[in-house]
Amino acid sequence: MKEIFARYGISLSEEKQALFERFYTFLMQENEKYNLTAVTEESKVYEKHFVDSLLCVDKLCGKTLLDVGSGCGMPGIPLAIAREDLSVTLLEATGKKCSFLQNAVSLLGLKNVNARAEDAAKGAMREKFDIVTARGVARMNTLAEYCLPFVKTGGFFVAFKAKAEEELKEAQNAFSVLGGKTEFIVNKNLGGAERQMIFVKKIALTPAKYPRGNGKERKCPL
């Protein structure tokens, strides 16, 4: 499937391509048990999951990355495969998905990745990461409260979205409250569909009371 990566200008060594092949096989095996993804055709998985995760890989600056709500491992695992210089943490609240992630990391032999299940935004992981990613987890105003508390000042929260102009407008208050501002947006076309990677820079510390918890981030977004 290297031609799919090449189509989007993504260059990977044969060793890294082999890791993606192994990850695809394992994902499909585990999908029968855990229903991790509705996309199963090999070329579609490569495009809609693997390539999508790497569309802004060249824009990521820093050494530490946290992937919030990692689910079936996107974008965290593809980023870890492509960027061995990144130390990647996968954060997933659902136990069975976290087990899948831990097993995938072990199978692939990724030394730069660990998977965690706890909600740690008010603990030792708070404001410790250069980059925090989230892909399709929630609307931007909710995502901001989930993610910005983990980002160190000067770092970036990166949201992987489809067309998100409306979400961006409604998230401006959340960004302001939580210490972030929209820095730039990477626009890409993926198989005829628009994709946006929104880079929100952390310009100030997030007040200690955020995230509020108990589902308030979704029920009463900032």
N, C-alpha and C. Protein backbone atom coordinates (compact mmCIF):
# COMPACT_ATOMS: atom_id res chain seq x y z
N MET A 1 0.82 -1.22 0.00
CA MET A 1 0.00 0.00 0.00
C MET A 1 0.85 1.28 0.00
N LYS A 2 2.13 1.11 -0.33
CA LYS A 2 3.02 2.27 -0.29
C LYS A 2 2.59 3.35 -1.27
N GLU A 3 1.87 2.94 -2.35
CA GLU A 3 1.44 3.93 -3.33
C GLU A 3 0.43 4.90 -2.74
N ILE A 4 -0.33 4.47 -1.72
CA ILE A 4 -1.29 5.36 -1.09
C ILE A 4 -0.56 6.45 -0.31
N PHE A 5 0.47 6.07 0.43
CA PHE A 5 1.28 7.08 1.12
C PHE A 5 1.91 8.03 0.11
N ALA A 6 2.48 7.47 -0.97
CA ALA A 6 3.15 8.28 -1.98
C ALA A 6 2.19 9.28 -2.63
N ARG A 7 0.94 8.87 -2.81
CA ARG A 7 -0.07 9.74 -3.43
C ARG A 7 -0.24 11.03 -2.65
N TYR A 8 -0.02 10.96 -1.34
CA TYR A 8 -0.18 12.14 -0.48
C TYR A 8 1.15 12.74 -0.06
N GLY A 9 2.22 12.35 -0.75
CA GLY A 9 3.53 12.93 -0.51
C GLY A 9 4.17 12.50 0.79
N ILE A 10 3.77 11.32 1.31
CA ILE A 10 4.32 10.81 2.57
C ILE A 10 5.37 9.75 2.25
N SER A 11 6.60 10.01 2.65
CA SER A 11 7.71 9.09 2.36
C SER A 11 8.06 8.28 3.61
N LEU A 12 8.02 6.96 3.49
CA LEU A 12 8.31 6.07 4.61
C LEU A 12 9.29 5.00 4.18
N SER A 13 10.17 4.60 5.09
CA SER A 13 11.10 3.52 4.81
C SER A 13 10.34 2.20 4.69
N GLU A 14 10.98 1.19 4.11
CA GLU A 14 10.36 -0.13 3.98
C GLU A 14 10.05 -0.70 5.36
N GLU A 15 10.90 -0.43 6.34
CA GLU A 15 10.68 -0.91 7.70
C GLU A 15 9.40 -0.31 8.29
N LYS A 16 9.19 0.97 8.08
CA LYS A 16 7.99 1.62 8.60
C LYS A 16 6.74 1.17 7.85
N GLN A 17 6.87 0.95 6.55
CA GLN A 17 5.74 0.43 5.79
C GLN A 17 5.35 -0.96 6.30
N ALA A 18 6.34 -1.75 6.66
CA ALA A 18 6.07 -3.09 7.20
C ALA A 18 5.33 -2.99 8.53
N LEU A 19 5.65 -1.99 9.34
CA LEU A 19 4.95 -1.79 10.60
C LEU A 19 3.47 -1.44 10.35
N PHE A 20 3.22 -0.63 9.35
CA PHE A 20 1.83 -0.30 9.02
C PHE A 20 1.08 -1.55 8.55
N GLU A 21 1.74 -2.42 7.78
CA GLU A 21 1.10 -3.66 7.35
C GLU A 21 0.74 -4.53 8.56
N ARG A 22 1.67 -4.61 9.50
CA ARG A 22 1.42 -5.40 10.71
C ARG A 22 0.30 -4.79 11.55
N PHE A 23 0.29 -3.47 11.62
CA PHE A 23 -0.75 -2.79 12.39
C PHE A 23 -2.12 -3.02 11.75
N TYR A 24 -2.19 -2.94 10.42
CA TYR A 24 -3.47 -3.18 9.74
C TYR A 24 -3.99 -4.58 10.04
N THR A 25 -3.12 -5.58 9.94
CA THR A 25 -3.53 -6.97 10.20
C THR A 25 -4.06 -7.13 11.63
N PHE A 26 -3.34 -6.56 12.58
CA PHE A 26 -3.75 -6.67 13.98
C PHE A 26 -5.05 -5.92 14.24
N LEU A 27 -5.19 -4.73 13.65
CA LEU A 27 -6.40 -3.94 13.81
C LEU A 27 -7.61 -4.71 13.31
N MET A 28 -7.49 -5.38 12.17
CA MET A 28 -8.61 -6.14 11.63
C MET A 28 -8.93 -7.36 12.49
N GLN A 29 -7.91 -8.01 13.02
CA GLN A 29 -8.14 -9.15 13.92
C GLN A 29 -8.90 -8.71 15.16
N GLU A 30 -8.45 -7.65 15.78
CA GLU A 30 -9.06 -7.18 17.02
C GLU A 30 -10.41 -6.51 16.78
N ASN A 31 -10.62 -5.99 15.57
CA ASN A 31 -11.87 -5.33 15.25
C ASN A 31 -13.06 -6.29 15.35
N GLU A 32 -12.82 -7.56 15.10
CA GLU A 32 -13.88 -8.56 15.20
C GLU A 32 -14.35 -8.71 16.64
N LYS A 33 -13.47 -8.43 17.58
CA LYS A 33 -13.83 -8.55 19.01
C LYS A 33 -14.33 -7.24 19.59
N TYR A 34 -13.72 -6.13 19.19
CA TYR A 34 -13.95 -4.86 19.88
C TYR A 34 -14.70 -3.81 19.07
N ASN A 35 -14.97 -4.09 17.77
CA ASN A 35 -15.66 -3.11 16.93
C ASN A 35 -14.97 -1.75 16.98
N LEU A 36 -13.71 -1.74 16.62
CA LEU A 36 -12.88 -0.54 16.73
C LEU A 36 -13.10 0.45 15.59
N THR A 37 -13.43 -0.06 14.40
CA THR A 37 -13.62 0.81 13.25
C THR A 37 -14.61 0.20 12.28
N ALA A 38 -15.41 1.07 11.64
CA ALA A 38 -16.35 0.61 10.61
C ALA A 38 -15.65 0.49 9.26
N VAL A 39 -14.46 1.04 9.14
CA VAL A 39 -13.69 0.99 7.90
C VAL A 39 -12.80 -0.25 7.94
N THR A 40 -12.98 -1.16 6.99
CA THR A 40 -12.21 -2.41 7.02
C THR A 40 -11.47 -2.72 5.72
N GLU A 41 -11.93 -2.17 4.60
CA GLU A 41 -11.22 -2.41 3.34
C GLU A 41 -9.81 -1.85 3.45
N GLU A 42 -8.82 -2.65 3.06
CA GLU A 42 -7.42 -2.30 3.31
C GLU A 42 -7.06 -0.91 2.77
N SER A 43 -7.39 -0.63 1.52
CA SER A 43 -7.02 0.66 0.95
C SER A 43 -7.70 1.82 1.68
N LYS A 44 -8.93 1.59 2.13
CA LYS A 44 -9.66 2.63 2.86
C LYS A 44 -9.07 2.85 4.26
N VAL A 45 -8.66 1.78 4.92
CA VAL A 45 -8.01 1.93 6.23
C VAL A 45 -6.73 2.73 6.09
N TYR A 46 -5.96 2.40 5.06
CA TYR A 46 -4.71 3.14 4.84
C TYR A 46 -5.00 4.62 4.60
N GLU A 47 -6.00 4.92 3.78
CA GLU A 47 -6.28 6.31 3.45
C GLU A 47 -6.97 7.04 4.59
N LYS A 48 -8.08 6.49 5.09
CA LYS A 48 -8.93 7.20 6.06
C LYS A 48 -8.37 7.17 7.48
N HIS A 49 -7.49 6.23 7.79
CA HIS A 49 -6.90 6.17 9.12
C HIS A 49 -5.41 6.52 9.11
N PHE A 50 -4.61 5.76 8.36
CA PHE A 50 -3.17 5.93 8.42
C PHE A 50 -2.72 7.25 7.77
N VAL A 51 -3.12 7.47 6.52
CA VAL A 51 -2.74 8.71 5.84
C VAL A 51 -3.33 9.92 6.57
N ASP A 52 -4.59 9.82 6.93
CA ASP A 52 -5.24 10.94 7.64
C ASP A 52 -4.44 11.35 8.87
N SER A 53 -3.91 10.37 9.58
CA SER A 53 -3.14 10.64 10.79
C SER A 53 -1.83 11.37 10.50
N LEU A 54 -1.35 11.25 9.26
CA LEU A 54 -0.03 11.79 8.91
C LEU A 54 -0.08 13.04 8.04
N LEU A 55 -1.27 13.57 7.79
CA LEU A 55 -1.40 14.70 6.86
C LEU A 55 -0.65 15.95 7.32
N CYS A 56 -0.47 16.10 8.64
CA CYS A 56 0.26 17.28 9.13
C CYS A 56 1.51 16.88 9.90
N VAL A 57 2.03 15.67 9.64
CA VAL A 57 3.18 15.18 10.41
C VAL A 57 4.38 16.11 10.32
N ASP A 58 4.55 16.78 9.18
CA ASP A 58 5.68 17.67 8.99
C ASP A 58 5.54 19.00 9.73
N LYS A 59 4.35 19.27 10.27
CA LYS A 59 4.10 20.52 10.99
C LYS A 59 4.26 20.37 12.50
N LEU A 60 4.46 19.15 12.98
CA LEU A 60 4.52 18.91 14.42
C LEU A 60 5.91 19.18 14.96
N CYS A 61 6.01 20.13 15.88
CA CYS A 61 7.29 20.50 16.46
C CYS A 61 7.27 20.20 17.95
N GLY A 62 8.26 19.45 18.41
CA GLY A 62 8.34 19.11 19.82
C GLY A 62 8.83 17.68 20.00
N LYS A 63 8.96 17.28 21.25
CA LYS A 63 9.48 15.94 21.56
C LYS A 63 8.44 15.04 22.21
N THR A 64 7.38 15.63 22.78
CA THR A 64 6.40 14.82 23.50
C THR A 64 5.01 15.07 22.94
N LEU A 65 4.26 13.98 22.74
CA LEU A 65 2.92 14.07 22.16
C LEU A 65 1.95 13.20 22.95
N LEU A 66 0.80 13.75 23.25
CA LEU A 66 -0.29 13.02 23.90
C LEU A 66 -1.45 12.95 22.93
N ASP A 67 -1.98 11.73 22.72
CA ASP A 67 -3.14 11.54 21.86
C ASP A 67 -4.34 11.24 22.76
N VAL A 68 -5.28 12.18 22.84
CA VAL A 68 -6.43 12.08 23.75
C VAL A 68 -7.58 11.36 23.06
N GLY A 69 -8.16 10.37 23.74
CA GLY A 69 -9.23 9.58 23.15
C GLY A 69 -8.74 8.79 21.96
N SER A 70 -7.63 8.08 22.15
CA SER A 70 -6.91 7.47 21.04
C SER A 70 -7.70 6.38 20.32
N GLY A 71 -8.64 5.73 21.00
CA GLY A 71 -9.52 4.76 20.35
C GLY A 71 -8.79 3.61 19.70
N CYS A 72 -8.81 3.55 18.37
CA CYS A 72 -8.11 2.48 17.66
C CYS A 72 -6.68 2.89 17.32
N GLY A 73 -6.20 3.96 17.95
CA GLY A 73 -4.79 4.32 17.81
C GLY A 73 -4.48 5.44 16.86
N MET A 74 -5.52 6.14 16.39
CA MET A 74 -5.29 7.22 15.44
C MET A 74 -5.49 8.58 16.10
N PRO A 75 -4.61 9.52 15.88
CA PRO A 75 -3.43 9.48 15.02
C PRO A 75 -2.15 9.01 15.72
N GLY A 76 -2.24 8.66 17.01
CA GLY A 76 -1.04 8.44 17.81
C GLY A 76 -0.09 7.38 17.29
N ILE A 77 -0.61 6.19 16.94
CA ILE A 77 0.28 5.11 16.49
C ILE A 77 0.91 5.41 15.14
N PRO A 78 0.16 5.86 14.12
CA PRO A 78 0.83 6.25 12.88
C PRO A 78 1.89 7.33 13.07
N LEU A 79 1.61 8.31 13.93
CA LEU A 79 2.60 9.36 14.19
C LEU A 79 3.85 8.78 14.85
N ALA A 80 3.65 7.84 15.77
CA ALA A 80 4.80 7.23 16.45
C ALA A 80 5.64 6.40 15.48
N ILE A 81 4.98 5.74 14.53
CA ILE A 81 5.72 4.96 13.52
C ILE A 81 6.52 5.90 12.62
N ALA A 82 5.87 6.97 12.18
CA ALA A 82 6.53 7.89 11.24
C ALA A 82 7.60 8.75 11.89
N ARG A 83 7.40 9.06 13.19
CA ARG A 83 8.29 9.99 13.89
C ARG A 83 8.89 9.32 15.13
N GLU A 84 10.00 8.63 14.93
CA GLU A 84 10.65 7.94 16.05
C GLU A 84 11.20 8.93 17.08
N ASP A 85 11.35 10.19 16.68
CA ASP A 85 11.86 11.20 17.60
C ASP A 85 10.81 11.66 18.60
N LEU A 86 9.54 11.32 18.37
CA LEU A 86 8.46 11.71 19.28
C LEU A 86 8.25 10.66 20.37
N SER A 87 8.09 11.13 21.60
CA SER A 87 7.66 10.27 22.70
C SER A 87 6.14 10.41 22.78
N VAL A 88 5.41 9.32 22.48
CA VAL A 88 3.96 9.37 22.31
C VAL A 88 3.25 8.65 23.46
N THR A 89 2.26 9.31 24.03
CA THR A 89 1.39 8.71 25.04
C THR A 89 -0.02 8.64 24.47
N LEU A 90 -0.62 7.47 24.54
CA LEU A 90 -1.99 7.26 24.08
C LEU A 90 -2.90 7.23 25.29
N LEU A 91 -3.88 8.14 25.33
CA LEU A 91 -4.79 8.23 26.48
C LEU A 91 -6.18 7.78 26.03
N GLU A 92 -6.68 6.73 26.68
CA GLU A 92 -7.97 6.16 26.30
C GLU A 92 -8.71 5.68 27.55
N ALA A 93 -9.92 6.20 27.74
CA ALA A 93 -10.68 5.91 28.96
C ALA A 93 -11.36 4.54 28.93
N THR A 94 -11.66 4.01 27.74
CA THR A 94 -12.35 2.73 27.63
C THR A 94 -11.36 1.60 27.80
N GLY A 95 -11.62 0.73 28.77
CA GLY A 95 -10.68 -0.32 29.13
C GLY A 95 -10.30 -1.25 28.00
N LYS A 96 -11.29 -1.72 27.22
CA LYS A 96 -10.99 -2.68 26.16
C LYS A 96 -10.16 -2.02 25.05
N LYS A 97 -10.43 -0.74 24.79
CA LYS A 97 -9.64 -0.04 23.78
C LYS A 97 -8.23 0.22 24.26
N CYS A 98 -8.09 0.52 25.54
CA CYS A 98 -6.75 0.71 26.10
C CYS A 98 -5.95 -0.58 26.02
N SER A 99 -6.60 -1.72 26.29
CA SER A 99 -5.93 -3.02 26.16
C SER A 99 -5.48 -3.26 24.73
N PHE A 100 -6.36 -2.92 23.78
CA PHE A 100 -5.99 -3.05 22.36
C PHE A 100 -4.75 -2.21 22.06
N LEU A 101 -4.73 -0.97 22.53
CA LEU A 101 -3.60 -0.08 22.27
C LEU A 101 -2.31 -0.63 22.87
N GLN A 102 -2.38 -1.11 24.10
CA GLN A 102 -1.19 -1.67 24.75
C GLN A 102 -0.67 -2.88 23.98
N ASN A 103 -1.59 -3.73 23.52
CA ASN A 103 -1.18 -4.91 22.75
C ASN A 103 -0.60 -4.52 21.40
N ALA A 104 -1.18 -3.50 20.76
CA ALA A 104 -0.67 -3.04 19.46
C ALA A 104 0.74 -2.48 19.61
N VAL A 105 0.95 -1.68 20.63
CA VAL A 105 2.28 -1.10 20.88
C VAL A 105 3.31 -2.20 21.11
N SER A 106 2.92 -3.22 21.87
CA SER A 106 3.82 -4.35 22.15
C SER A 106 4.13 -5.13 20.88
N LEU A 107 3.09 -5.43 20.10
CA LEU A 107 3.27 -6.19 18.87
C LEU A 107 4.18 -5.47 17.89
N LEU A 108 4.02 -4.16 17.79
CA LEU A 108 4.80 -3.38 16.83
C LEU A 108 6.19 -3.04 17.34
N GLY A 109 6.43 -3.30 18.62
CA GLY A 109 7.74 -3.02 19.20
C GLY A 109 8.07 -1.54 19.25
N LEU A 110 7.04 -0.72 19.47
CA LEU A 110 7.25 0.74 19.49
C LEU A 110 7.79 1.16 20.85
N LYS A 111 9.04 1.51 20.89
CA LYS A 111 9.70 1.88 22.15
C LYS A 111 9.38 3.32 22.57
N ASN A 112 8.82 4.10 21.65
CA ASN A 112 8.55 5.51 21.93
C ASN A 112 7.08 5.76 22.27
N VAL A 113 6.33 4.70 22.64
CA VAL A 113 4.90 4.83 22.89
C VAL A 113 4.51 4.14 24.18
N ASN A 114 3.58 4.75 24.93
CA ASN A 114 2.91 4.03 26.01
C ASN A 114 1.43 4.40 26.00
N ALA A 115 0.59 3.47 26.45
CA ALA A 115 -0.87 3.67 26.48
C ALA A 115 -1.34 3.71 27.91
N ARG A 116 -2.18 4.70 28.22
CA ARG A 116 -2.66 4.88 29.58
C ARG A 116 -4.17 5.04 29.59
N ALA A 117 -4.79 4.62 30.69
CA ALA A 117 -6.25 4.62 30.77
C ALA A 117 -6.80 5.72 31.66
N GLU A 118 -5.98 6.27 32.55
CA GLU A 118 -6.53 7.20 33.54
C GLU A 118 -6.77 8.60 32.99
N ASP A 119 -7.67 9.31 33.64
CA ASP A 119 -7.91 10.72 33.34
C ASP A 119 -6.93 11.52 34.19
N ALA A 120 -5.91 12.06 33.55
CA ALA A 120 -4.79 12.62 34.32
C ALA A 120 -4.59 14.11 34.11
N ALA A 121 -5.62 14.82 33.64
CA ALA A 121 -5.43 16.23 33.30
C ALA A 121 -5.16 17.11 34.51
N LYS A 122 -5.47 16.61 35.72
CA LYS A 122 -5.19 17.39 36.92
C LYS A 122 -4.05 16.78 37.73
N GLY A 123 -3.36 15.80 37.13
CA GLY A 123 -2.28 15.12 37.81
C GLY A 123 -0.92 15.45 37.22
N ALA A 124 -0.03 14.45 37.24
CA ALA A 124 1.36 14.66 36.85
C ALA A 124 1.52 14.97 35.36
N MET A 125 0.51 14.65 34.54
CA MET A 125 0.60 14.89 33.11
C MET A 125 0.13 16.28 32.70
N ARG A 126 -0.36 17.05 33.65
CA ARG A 126 -0.90 18.38 33.34
C ARG A 126 0.18 19.31 32.81
N GLU A 127 -0.09 19.95 31.68
CA GLU A 127 0.80 20.93 31.06
C GLU A 127 2.23 20.39 30.90
N LYS A 128 2.33 19.13 30.43
CA LYS A 128 3.62 18.48 30.25
C LYS A 128 3.96 18.17 28.80
N PHE A 129 3.04 18.38 27.87
CA PHE A 129 3.26 17.91 26.50
C PHE A 129 3.45 19.06 25.51
N ASP A 130 4.36 18.84 24.55
CA ASP A 130 4.57 19.82 23.47
C ASP A 130 3.39 19.82 22.51
N ILE A 131 2.81 18.65 22.28
CA ILE A 131 1.72 18.49 21.32
C ILE A 131 0.65 17.60 21.95
N VAL A 132 -0.61 18.00 21.82
CA VAL A 132 -1.73 17.14 22.22
C VAL A 132 -2.68 17.05 21.04
N THR A 133 -2.96 15.82 20.60
CA THR A 133 -3.82 15.60 19.44
C THR A 133 -5.15 14.97 19.86
N ALA A 134 -6.17 15.21 19.04
CA ALA A 134 -7.46 14.54 19.20
C ALA A 134 -8.10 14.45 17.83
N ARG A 135 -8.69 13.30 17.54
CA ARG A 135 -9.25 13.06 16.21
C ARG A 135 -10.69 12.57 16.36
N GLY A 136 -11.63 13.43 16.01
CA GLY A 136 -13.03 13.03 15.99
C GLY A 136 -13.63 12.68 17.33
N VAL A 137 -13.16 13.26 18.42
CA VAL A 137 -13.63 12.91 19.76
C VAL A 137 -14.89 13.70 20.13
N ALA A 138 -14.91 14.99 19.85
CA ALA A 138 -16.02 15.87 20.25
C ALA A 138 -15.91 17.17 19.49
N ARG A 139 -16.86 18.09 19.70
CA ARG A 139 -16.78 19.41 19.09
C ARG A 139 -15.63 20.20 19.71
N MET A 140 -15.18 21.22 19.00
CA MET A 140 -13.97 21.93 19.38
C MET A 140 -14.03 22.55 20.77
N ASN A 141 -15.18 23.11 21.16
CA ASN A 141 -15.23 23.76 22.48
C ASN A 141 -15.10 22.73 23.60
N THR A 142 -15.60 21.52 23.38
CA THR A 142 -15.43 20.44 24.36
C THR A 142 -14.02 19.88 24.30
N LEU A 143 -13.53 19.67 23.09
CA LEU A 143 -12.17 19.14 22.92
C LEU A 143 -11.13 20.03 23.58
N ALA A 144 -11.32 21.33 23.46
CA ALA A 144 -10.36 22.27 24.03
C ALA A 144 -10.21 22.04 25.53
N GLU A 145 -11.33 21.80 26.21
CA GLU A 145 -11.26 21.59 27.66
C GLU A 145 -10.64 20.25 28.00
N TYR A 146 -10.84 19.26 27.15
CA TYR A 146 -10.17 17.97 27.35
C TYR A 146 -8.66 18.08 27.15
N CYS A 147 -8.25 18.85 26.13
CA CYS A 147 -6.87 18.77 25.65
C CYS A 147 -5.94 19.88 26.13
N LEU A 148 -6.39 21.13 26.15
CA LEU A 148 -5.48 22.23 26.48
C LEU A 148 -4.85 22.11 27.87
N PRO A 149 -5.53 21.53 28.88
CA PRO A 149 -4.87 21.39 30.18
C PRO A 149 -3.59 20.54 30.14
N PHE A 150 -3.46 19.67 29.14
CA PHE A 150 -2.27 18.82 29.02
C PHE A 150 -1.11 19.52 28.31
N VAL A 151 -1.40 20.60 27.57
CA VAL A 151 -0.39 21.25 26.73
C VAL A 151 0.46 22.21 27.55
N LYS A 152 1.77 22.14 27.39
CA LYS A 152 2.65 23.10 28.07
C LYS A 152 2.57 24.44 27.35
N THR A 153 2.85 25.50 28.06
CA THR A 153 2.83 26.83 27.45
C THR A 153 3.83 26.88 26.30
N GLY A 154 3.35 27.36 25.15
CA GLY A 154 4.17 27.39 23.95
C GLY A 154 3.95 26.20 23.04
N GLY A 155 3.26 25.16 23.57
CA GLY A 155 2.96 23.97 22.78
C GLY A 155 1.65 24.12 22.02
N PHE A 156 1.21 23.01 21.41
CA PHE A 156 0.04 23.05 20.55
C PHE A 156 -0.95 21.93 20.83
N PHE A 157 -2.22 22.29 20.83
CA PHE A 157 -3.32 21.33 20.74
C PHE A 157 -3.69 21.26 19.26
N VAL A 158 -3.71 20.05 18.70
CA VAL A 158 -4.00 19.86 17.28
C VAL A 158 -5.25 19.01 17.13
N ALA A 159 -6.30 19.60 16.57
CA ALA A 159 -7.58 18.91 16.37
C ALA A 159 -7.69 18.47 14.92
N PHE A 160 -7.94 17.18 14.71
CA PHE A 160 -8.14 16.63 13.37
C PHE A 160 -9.64 16.66 13.07
N LYS A 161 -10.02 17.41 12.06
CA LYS A 161 -11.43 17.65 11.79
C LYS A 161 -11.74 17.60 10.29
N ALA A 162 -13.04 17.47 9.96
CA ALA A 162 -13.51 17.79 8.63
C ALA A 162 -13.68 19.30 8.60
N LYS A 163 -14.55 19.82 7.78
CA LYS A 163 -14.73 21.26 7.72
C LYS A 163 -15.21 21.78 9.07
N ALA A 164 -14.49 22.71 9.67
CA ALA A 164 -14.73 23.05 11.07
C ALA A 164 -14.89 24.54 11.35
N GLU A 165 -15.27 25.33 10.36
CA GLU A 165 -15.38 26.77 10.57
C GLU A 165 -16.38 27.11 11.68
N GLU A 166 -17.53 26.46 11.66
CA GLU A 166 -18.56 26.73 12.67
C GLU A 166 -18.07 26.34 14.06
N GLU A 167 -17.44 25.17 14.16
CA GLU A 167 -16.92 24.73 15.45
C GLU A 167 -15.86 25.68 15.98
N LEU A 168 -15.03 26.19 15.07
CA LEU A 168 -13.97 27.12 15.49
C LEU A 168 -14.56 28.39 16.07
N LYS A 169 -15.61 28.90 15.45
CA LYS A 169 -16.24 30.12 15.95
C LYS A 169 -16.79 29.91 17.35
N GLU A 170 -17.46 28.79 17.57
CA GLU A 170 -18.07 28.57 18.87
C GLU A 170 -17.04 28.19 19.94
N ALA A 171 -15.82 27.88 19.52
CA ALA A 171 -14.78 27.48 20.47
C ALA A 171 -13.89 28.64 20.92
N GLN A 172 -14.08 29.83 20.37
CA GLN A 172 -13.18 30.94 20.69
C GLN A 172 -13.20 31.30 22.18
N ASN A 173 -14.36 31.26 22.79
CA ASN A 173 -14.43 31.56 24.22
C ASN A 173 -13.69 30.50 25.03
N ALA A 174 -13.85 29.23 24.64
CA ALA A 174 -13.14 28.15 25.34
C ALA A 174 -11.63 28.35 25.22
N PHE A 175 -11.15 28.68 24.03
CA PHE A 175 -9.72 28.91 23.85
C PHE A 175 -9.24 30.02 24.78
N SER A 176 -9.99 31.11 24.83
CA SER A 176 -9.61 32.25 25.65
C SER A 176 -9.55 31.88 27.13
N VAL A 177 -10.56 31.19 27.61
CA VAL A 177 -10.63 30.78 29.02
C VAL A 177 -9.50 29.83 29.37
N LEU A 178 -9.18 28.92 28.45
CA LEU A 178 -8.23 27.84 28.74
C LEU A 178 -6.79 28.17 28.39
N GLY A 179 -6.55 29.36 27.82
CA GLY A 179 -5.18 29.78 27.54
C GLY A 179 -4.68 29.46 26.16
N GLY A 180 -5.59 29.32 25.19
CA GLY A 180 -5.16 29.00 23.84
C GLY A 180 -5.61 30.01 22.81
N LYS A 181 -5.02 29.95 21.62
CA LYS A 181 -5.48 30.77 20.49
C LYS A 181 -5.16 30.01 19.20
N THR A 182 -6.05 30.17 18.22
CA THR A 182 -5.82 29.52 16.92
C THR A 182 -4.58 30.12 16.27
N GLU A 183 -3.62 29.27 15.97
CA GLU A 183 -2.37 29.73 15.36
C GLU A 183 -2.40 29.58 13.84
N PHE A 184 -2.75 28.39 13.36
CA PHE A 184 -2.89 28.18 11.91
C PHE A 184 -3.68 26.90 11.67
N ILE A 185 -4.13 26.74 10.43
CA ILE A 185 -4.92 25.57 10.04
C ILE A 185 -4.27 24.94 8.81
N VAL A 186 -4.08 23.62 8.85
CA VAL A 186 -3.58 22.88 7.70
C VAL A 186 -4.78 22.29 6.97
N ASN A 187 -4.97 22.68 5.72
CA ASN A 187 -6.09 22.20 4.92
C ASN A 187 -5.59 21.17 3.92
N LYS A 188 -6.25 20.02 3.88
CA LYS A 188 -5.87 18.95 2.97
C LYS A 188 -7.12 18.34 2.34
N ASN A 189 -6.91 17.66 1.20
CA ASN A 189 -7.97 16.89 0.57
C ASN A 189 -7.63 15.42 0.72
N LEU A 190 -8.56 14.65 1.25
CA LEU A 190 -8.32 13.23 1.48
C LEU A 190 -9.41 12.43 0.78
N GLY A 191 -9.07 11.87 -0.38
CA GLY A 191 -10.02 11.08 -1.12
C GLY A 191 -11.26 11.86 -1.52
N GLY A 192 -11.09 13.14 -1.83
CA GLY A 192 -12.21 13.98 -2.22
C GLY A 192 -12.91 14.68 -1.08
N ALA A 193 -12.50 14.39 0.16
CA ALA A 193 -13.12 15.01 1.33
C ALA A 193 -12.15 16.03 1.95
N GLU A 194 -12.71 17.12 2.46
CA GLU A 194 -11.89 18.15 3.09
C GLU A 194 -11.49 17.73 4.49
N ARG A 195 -10.20 17.92 4.80
CA ARG A 195 -9.69 17.64 6.14
C ARG A 195 -8.97 18.88 6.64
N GLN A 196 -9.15 19.18 7.93
CA GLN A 196 -8.49 20.32 8.54
C GLN A 196 -7.80 19.88 9.83
N MET A 197 -6.56 20.29 9.98
CA MET A 197 -5.82 20.09 11.22
C MET A 197 -5.64 21.48 11.84
N ILE A 198 -6.33 21.72 12.95
CA ILE A 198 -6.37 23.04 13.56
C ILE A 198 -5.34 23.11 14.68
N PHE A 199 -4.37 24.00 14.54
CA PHE A 199 -3.30 24.15 15.52
C PHE A 199 -3.66 25.30 16.47
N VAL A 200 -3.88 24.95 17.73
CA VAL A 200 -4.21 25.92 18.76
C VAL A 200 -3.01 26.06 19.69
N LYS A 201 -2.41 27.23 19.73
CA LYS A 201 -1.20 27.43 20.54
C LYS A 201 -1.58 27.73 21.99
N LYS A 202 -0.85 27.15 22.92
CA LYS A 202 -1.05 27.41 24.35
C LYS A 202 -0.24 28.66 24.71
N ILE A 203 -0.94 29.74 25.02
CA ILE A 203 -0.26 31.01 25.28
C ILE A 203 -0.29 31.40 26.75
N ALA A 204 -1.07 30.67 27.56
CA ALA A 204 -1.14 30.96 28.99
C ALA A 204 -1.55 29.70 29.73
N LEU A 205 -1.23 29.65 31.01
CA LEU A 205 -1.60 28.49 31.82
C LEU A 205 -3.12 28.33 31.88
N THR A 206 -3.58 27.10 31.88
CA THR A 206 -5.00 26.81 32.04
C THR A 206 -5.37 26.92 33.51
N PRO A 207 -6.44 27.67 33.85
CA PRO A 207 -6.86 27.74 35.26
C PRO A 207 -7.06 26.36 35.87
N ALA A 208 -6.72 26.23 37.15
CA ALA A 208 -6.68 24.93 37.81
C ALA A 208 -8.02 24.20 37.83
N LYS A 209 -9.13 24.93 37.73
CA LYS A 209 -10.44 24.27 37.83
C LYS A 209 -10.84 23.51 36.56
N TYR A 210 -10.05 23.68 35.49
CA TYR A 210 -10.35 22.98 34.24
C TYR A 210 -9.38 21.83 34.02
N PRO A 211 -9.85 20.69 33.50
CA PRO A 211 -11.21 20.39 33.07
C PRO A 211 -12.14 20.20 34.26
N ARG A 212 -13.41 20.53 34.08
CA ARG A 212 -14.37 20.48 35.18
C ARG A 212 -14.76 19.07 35.58
N GLY A 213 -14.75 18.12 34.63
CA GLY A 213 -15.09 16.73 34.93
C GLY A 213 -16.58 16.49 35.05
N ASN A 214 -16.93 15.24 35.36
CA ASN A 214 -18.34 14.82 35.51
C ASN A 214 -19.18 15.12 34.29
N GLY A 215 -18.56 15.10 33.11
CA GLY A 215 -19.28 15.29 31.87
C GLY A 215 -19.66 16.71 31.54
N LYS A 216 -19.23 17.68 32.37
CA LYS A 216 -19.60 19.07 32.13
C LYS A 216 -19.00 19.61 30.83
N GLU A 217 -17.87 19.03 30.40
CA GLU A 217 -17.22 19.51 29.18
C GLU A 217 -18.16 19.34 27.96
N ARG A 218 -18.95 18.26 27.99
CA ARG A 218 -19.89 18.00 26.88
C ARG A 218 -21.25 18.65 27.14
N LYS A 219 -21.72 18.55 28.38
CA LYS A 219 -23.06 19.04 28.71
C LYS A 219 -23.15 20.57 28.69
N CYS A 220 -22.11 21.22 29.19
CA CYS A 220 -22.09 22.69 29.29
C CYS A 220 -20.77 23.23 28.77
N PRO A 221 -20.51 23.10 27.46
CA PRO A 221 -19.22 23.56 26.92
C PRO A 221 -19.00 25.04 27.13
N LEU A 222 -17.75 25.41 27.28
CA LEU A 222 -17.39 26.81 27.52
C LEU A 222 -17.75 27.70 26.33
